[in-house]
Amino acid sequence: MADTINSPAQVYPDSKVLTSVLTTTKASVVSTVFACNQSTTKTTVRVSVAKNGEADARKQYLYYDTEVPANDSLAFTVGVTLAIGDVIRVYSDNGMVSFNVFYLGVS
């Protein structure tokens, strides 16, 4: 089997709700997570990786309350490797942030 470039995983979560954006169905490599603040005020975001879908825990956070300026985006280029069942979760303080996760499924 060949490696698979996937469409980005996308989510626009409600304010202050930790939301799953990607649950892997095969080993994967995440290249970049984008957070786009669509508000006229700054906000903060969080990005975590839960091994095998474990419950939320402080050890999982890659970014925690990282500021995103008004009407701006941040690109987190991470190169994270994930096993089957791992989950990327995101959170925004204002509920006006779209998240896009670009990843490659590995055979």
N, C-alpha and C. Protein backbone atom coordinates (compact mmCIF):
# COMPACT_ATOMS: atom_id res chain seq x y z
N MET A 1 0.84 -1.19 0.00
CA MET A 1 0.00 0.00 0.00
C MET A 1 0.88 1.24 0.00
N ALA A 2 0.35 2.30 -0.56
CA ALA A 2 1.08 3.55 -0.65
C ALA A 2 0.65 4.51 0.45
N ASP A 3 1.52 5.49 0.71
CA ASP A 3 1.15 6.54 1.65
C ASP A 3 0.00 7.33 1.05
N THR A 4 -0.85 7.90 1.91
CA THR A 4 -2.04 8.58 1.46
C THR A 4 -2.06 10.02 1.94
N ILE A 5 -2.11 10.95 0.99
CA ILE A 5 -2.29 12.36 1.35
C ILE A 5 -3.79 12.56 1.52
N ASN A 6 -4.19 13.02 2.69
CA ASN A 6 -5.60 13.18 3.00
C ASN A 6 -6.04 14.63 2.85
N SER A 7 -7.33 14.81 2.62
CA SER A 7 -7.89 16.15 2.69
C SER A 7 -7.68 16.63 4.11
N PRO A 8 -7.57 17.92 4.31
CA PRO A 8 -7.35 18.37 5.68
C PRO A 8 -8.54 18.02 6.58
N ALA A 9 -8.23 17.67 7.81
CA ALA A 9 -9.27 17.52 8.83
C ALA A 9 -9.63 18.93 9.27
N GLN A 10 -10.92 19.24 9.34
CA GLN A 10 -11.36 20.61 9.62
C GLN A 10 -12.44 20.63 10.70
N VAL A 11 -12.39 21.68 11.53
CA VAL A 11 -13.41 21.86 12.55
C VAL A 11 -13.49 23.34 12.91
N TYR A 12 -14.68 23.76 13.34
CA TYR A 12 -14.94 25.12 13.81
C TYR A 12 -15.66 24.98 15.15
N PRO A 13 -14.89 24.74 16.23
CA PRO A 13 -15.51 24.39 17.51
C PRO A 13 -16.17 25.58 18.22
N ASP A 14 -17.13 25.24 19.06
CA ASP A 14 -17.76 26.25 19.90
C ASP A 14 -16.75 26.80 20.90
N SER A 15 -17.08 27.95 21.46
CA SER A 15 -16.24 28.60 22.45
C SER A 15 -16.00 27.70 23.66
N LYS A 16 -14.71 27.60 24.03
CA LYS A 16 -14.31 26.88 25.25
C LYS A 16 -14.70 25.40 25.28
N VAL A 17 -14.79 24.78 24.10
CA VAL A 17 -15.11 23.35 24.01
C VAL A 17 -13.95 22.62 23.35
N LEU A 18 -13.30 21.72 24.10
CA LEU A 18 -12.24 20.90 23.54
C LEU A 18 -12.88 19.94 22.54
N THR A 19 -12.43 19.98 21.29
CA THR A 19 -13.09 19.27 20.20
C THR A 19 -12.10 18.42 19.42
N SER A 20 -12.47 17.18 19.13
CA SER A 20 -11.63 16.32 18.29
C SER A 20 -11.70 16.78 16.85
N VAL A 21 -10.55 16.96 16.25
CA VAL A 21 -10.50 17.34 14.84
C VAL A 21 -10.02 16.17 13.98
N LEU A 22 -9.25 15.26 14.56
CA LEU A 22 -8.74 14.12 13.81
C LEU A 22 -8.57 12.92 14.73
N THR A 23 -9.15 11.80 14.33
CA THR A 23 -8.89 10.51 14.97
C THR A 23 -8.31 9.62 13.89
N THR A 24 -7.09 9.18 14.08
CA THR A 24 -6.40 8.45 13.02
C THR A 24 -6.92 7.03 12.86
N THR A 25 -7.04 6.62 11.61
CA THR A 25 -7.46 5.25 11.31
C THR A 25 -6.29 4.42 10.80
N LYS A 26 -5.14 5.08 10.62
CA LYS A 26 -3.88 4.40 10.33
C LYS A 26 -2.75 5.31 10.78
N ALA A 27 -1.56 4.76 10.88
CA ALA A 27 -0.42 5.58 11.28
C ALA A 27 -0.36 6.81 10.37
N SER A 28 -0.06 7.95 10.96
CA SER A 28 -0.08 9.20 10.20
C SER A 28 1.01 10.15 10.66
N VAL A 29 1.36 11.06 9.78
CA VAL A 29 2.29 12.14 10.11
C VAL A 29 1.55 13.45 9.86
N VAL A 30 1.46 14.27 10.90
CA VAL A 30 0.81 15.57 10.79
C VAL A 30 1.88 16.60 10.48
N SER A 31 1.71 17.32 9.38
CA SER A 31 2.70 18.33 9.04
C SER A 31 2.38 19.67 9.67
N THR A 32 1.13 20.11 9.54
CA THR A 32 0.79 21.46 10.00
C THR A 32 -0.63 21.52 10.52
N VAL A 33 -0.80 22.27 11.61
CA VAL A 33 -2.11 22.60 12.14
C VAL A 33 -2.27 24.11 12.01
N PHE A 34 -3.32 24.54 11.32
CA PHE A 34 -3.61 25.96 11.16
C PHE A 34 -4.76 26.35 12.09
N ALA A 35 -4.62 27.51 12.72
CA ALA A 35 -5.69 28.09 13.53
C ALA A 35 -5.97 29.47 12.96
N CYS A 36 -7.19 29.68 12.45
CA CYS A 36 -7.58 30.93 11.80
C CYS A 36 -8.61 31.66 12.67
N ASN A 37 -8.20 32.77 13.27
CA ASN A 37 -9.09 33.56 14.12
C ASN A 37 -9.92 34.48 13.24
N GLN A 38 -11.21 34.26 13.21
CA GLN A 38 -12.11 35.03 12.35
C GLN A 38 -12.84 36.13 13.13
N SER A 39 -12.21 36.58 14.21
CA SER A 39 -12.78 37.61 15.06
C SER A 39 -11.97 38.90 14.95
N THR A 40 -12.59 39.99 15.31
CA THR A 40 -11.90 41.29 15.30
C THR A 40 -11.14 41.54 16.60
N THR A 41 -11.11 40.53 17.48
CA THR A 41 -10.32 40.61 18.71
C THR A 41 -9.42 39.38 18.82
N LYS A 42 -8.33 39.52 19.53
CA LYS A 42 -7.42 38.39 19.71
C LYS A 42 -8.10 37.30 20.54
N THR A 43 -7.57 36.10 20.43
CA THR A 43 -8.09 34.97 21.21
C THR A 43 -6.93 34.04 21.53
N THR A 44 -7.22 32.98 22.27
CA THR A 44 -6.22 31.97 22.54
C THR A 44 -6.72 30.61 22.06
N VAL A 45 -5.77 29.73 21.73
CA VAL A 45 -6.10 28.39 21.24
C VAL A 45 -5.26 27.35 21.97
N ARG A 46 -5.73 26.12 21.89
CA ARG A 46 -5.01 24.97 22.44
C ARG A 46 -5.02 23.85 21.41
N VAL A 47 -3.94 23.07 21.39
CA VAL A 47 -3.84 21.89 20.53
C VAL A 47 -3.24 20.77 21.37
N SER A 48 -3.91 19.62 21.37
CA SER A 48 -3.40 18.48 22.13
C SER A 48 -3.43 17.21 21.30
N VAL A 49 -2.64 16.24 21.71
CA VAL A 49 -2.62 14.92 21.09
C VAL A 49 -2.87 13.88 22.18
N ALA A 50 -3.96 13.14 22.03
CA ALA A 50 -4.32 12.12 23.00
C ALA A 50 -3.94 10.75 22.45
N LYS A 51 -3.00 10.11 23.08
CA LYS A 51 -2.57 8.77 22.68
C LYS A 51 -3.74 7.81 22.82
N ASN A 52 -4.07 7.14 21.72
CA ASN A 52 -5.15 6.15 21.69
C ASN A 52 -6.47 6.69 22.26
N GLY A 53 -6.72 8.00 22.05
CA GLY A 53 -7.98 8.59 22.46
C GLY A 53 -8.17 8.74 23.96
N GLU A 54 -7.08 8.75 24.73
CA GLU A 54 -7.18 8.88 26.18
C GLU A 54 -7.95 10.15 26.56
N ALA A 55 -8.46 10.16 27.78
CA ALA A 55 -9.13 11.34 28.30
C ALA A 55 -8.15 12.51 28.36
N ASP A 56 -8.68 13.72 28.29
CA ASP A 56 -7.86 14.93 28.31
C ASP A 56 -6.96 14.97 29.54
N ALA A 57 -5.69 15.31 29.31
CA ALA A 57 -4.71 15.42 30.40
C ALA A 57 -3.67 16.48 30.03
N ARG A 58 -3.10 17.11 31.01
CA ARG A 58 -2.12 18.19 30.78
C ARG A 58 -0.93 17.73 29.94
N LYS A 59 -0.53 16.49 30.06
CA LYS A 59 0.65 15.99 29.35
C LYS A 59 0.47 15.99 27.83
N GLN A 60 -0.75 16.10 27.34
CA GLN A 60 -1.04 15.96 25.91
C GLN A 60 -0.86 17.26 25.11
N TYR A 61 -0.72 18.38 25.77
CA TYR A 61 -0.78 19.67 25.07
C TYR A 61 0.52 20.02 24.35
N LEU A 62 0.36 20.37 23.07
CA LEU A 62 1.45 20.90 22.27
C LEU A 62 1.47 22.42 22.36
N TYR A 63 0.27 23.00 22.42
CA TYR A 63 0.10 24.45 22.56
C TYR A 63 -1.03 24.68 23.55
N TYR A 64 -0.82 25.64 24.46
CA TYR A 64 -1.82 25.88 25.50
C TYR A 64 -1.98 27.38 25.69
N ASP A 65 -3.18 27.87 25.41
CA ASP A 65 -3.50 29.29 25.51
C ASP A 65 -2.53 30.16 24.71
N THR A 66 -2.24 29.68 23.50
CA THR A 66 -1.39 30.43 22.57
C THR A 66 -2.24 31.50 21.89
N GLU A 67 -1.75 32.72 21.89
CA GLU A 67 -2.52 33.84 21.35
C GLU A 67 -2.52 33.87 19.83
N VAL A 68 -3.71 34.10 19.27
CA VAL A 68 -3.88 34.32 17.83
C VAL A 68 -4.43 35.73 17.67
N PRO A 69 -3.71 36.61 16.96
CA PRO A 69 -4.18 37.98 16.78
C PRO A 69 -5.53 38.04 16.05
N ALA A 70 -6.19 39.17 16.17
CA ALA A 70 -7.47 39.39 15.48
C ALA A 70 -7.29 39.23 13.97
N ASN A 71 -8.26 38.58 13.34
CA ASN A 71 -8.26 38.41 11.88
C ASN A 71 -6.91 37.89 11.35
N ASP A 72 -6.38 36.89 12.02
CA ASP A 72 -5.07 36.37 11.64
C ASP A 72 -5.06 34.86 11.83
N SER A 73 -4.02 34.23 11.33
CA SER A 73 -3.85 32.79 11.45
C SER A 73 -2.48 32.45 12.01
N LEU A 74 -2.40 31.31 12.65
CA LEU A 74 -1.13 30.75 13.07
C LEU A 74 -0.99 29.39 12.43
N ALA A 75 0.21 29.08 11.98
CA ALA A 75 0.50 27.76 11.44
C ALA A 75 1.47 27.08 12.40
N PHE A 76 1.04 25.97 12.97
CA PHE A 76 1.89 25.19 13.85
C PHE A 76 2.46 24.05 13.02
N THR A 77 3.71 24.16 12.59
CA THR A 77 4.34 23.12 11.80
C THR A 77 5.02 22.19 12.79
N VAL A 78 4.46 20.97 12.91
CA VAL A 78 4.85 20.12 14.02
C VAL A 78 5.54 18.81 13.63
N GLY A 79 5.20 18.20 12.53
CA GLY A 79 5.80 16.92 12.15
C GLY A 79 5.55 15.82 13.17
N VAL A 80 4.34 15.78 13.72
CA VAL A 80 3.98 14.80 14.75
C VAL A 80 3.62 13.47 14.09
N THR A 81 4.09 12.37 14.68
CA THR A 81 3.71 11.04 14.21
C THR A 81 2.63 10.50 15.13
N LEU A 82 1.63 9.88 14.52
CA LEU A 82 0.49 9.35 15.27
C LEU A 82 0.27 7.88 14.95
N ALA A 83 -0.16 7.13 15.95
CA ALA A 83 -0.53 5.73 15.76
C ALA A 83 -2.04 5.65 15.53
N ILE A 84 -2.50 4.49 15.13
CA ILE A 84 -3.94 4.28 14.94
C ILE A 84 -4.66 4.58 16.25
N GLY A 85 -5.72 5.38 16.16
CA GLY A 85 -6.53 5.71 17.32
C GLY A 85 -6.12 6.96 18.07
N ASP A 86 -4.99 7.55 17.71
CA ASP A 86 -4.59 8.80 18.35
C ASP A 86 -5.53 9.92 17.91
N VAL A 87 -5.71 10.91 18.77
CA VAL A 87 -6.69 11.97 18.52
C VAL A 87 -6.03 13.34 18.69
N ILE A 88 -6.23 14.21 17.72
CA ILE A 88 -5.84 15.61 17.86
C ILE A 88 -7.09 16.39 18.26
N ARG A 89 -6.95 17.15 19.35
CA ARG A 89 -8.06 17.97 19.84
C ARG A 89 -7.65 19.44 19.82
N VAL A 90 -8.64 20.29 19.61
CA VAL A 90 -8.40 21.73 19.57
C VAL A 90 -9.42 22.47 20.40
N TYR A 91 -9.12 23.72 20.69
CA TYR A 91 -9.95 24.53 21.58
C TYR A 91 -9.70 25.99 21.23
N SER A 92 -10.73 26.80 21.27
CA SER A 92 -10.53 28.24 21.15
C SER A 92 -11.33 28.95 22.22
N ASP A 93 -10.78 30.04 22.69
CA ASP A 93 -11.43 30.79 23.76
C ASP A 93 -12.69 31.49 23.27
N ASN A 94 -12.68 31.98 22.02
CA ASN A 94 -13.81 32.80 21.55
C ASN A 94 -14.80 32.07 20.66
N GLY A 95 -14.51 30.85 20.23
CA GLY A 95 -15.44 30.11 19.37
C GLY A 95 -15.52 30.64 17.96
N MET A 96 -14.51 31.40 17.54
CA MET A 96 -14.51 31.95 16.18
C MET A 96 -13.22 31.59 15.45
N VAL A 97 -12.73 30.39 15.72
CA VAL A 97 -11.48 29.92 15.12
C VAL A 97 -11.73 28.63 14.35
N SER A 98 -11.31 28.61 13.10
CA SER A 98 -11.34 27.36 12.34
C SER A 98 -9.96 26.71 12.43
N PHE A 99 -9.97 25.39 12.51
CA PHE A 99 -8.73 24.62 12.58
C PHE A 99 -8.67 23.70 11.37
N ASN A 100 -7.51 23.61 10.75
CA ASN A 100 -7.26 22.72 9.64
C ASN A 100 -5.99 21.93 9.94
N VAL A 101 -6.08 20.61 9.83
CA VAL A 101 -4.96 19.73 10.11
C VAL A 101 -4.57 19.02 8.81
N PHE A 102 -3.34 19.20 8.38
CA PHE A 102 -2.84 18.57 7.16
C PHE A 102 -1.94 17.40 7.55
N TYR A 103 -2.25 16.22 6.99
CA TYR A 103 -1.54 15.02 7.43
C TYR A 103 -1.42 14.01 6.31
N LEU A 104 -0.51 13.05 6.52
CA LEU A 104 -0.24 11.99 5.56
C LEU A 104 -0.45 10.65 6.27
N GLY A 105 -1.31 9.81 5.69
CA GLY A 105 -1.50 8.46 6.20
C GLY A 105 -0.37 7.57 5.72
N VAL A 106 0.24 6.81 6.61
CA VAL A 106 1.41 6.00 6.29
C VAL A 106 1.03 4.53 6.31
N SER A 107 1.42 3.81 5.28
CA SER A 107 1.15 2.36 5.21
C SER A 107 2.20 1.58 5.93
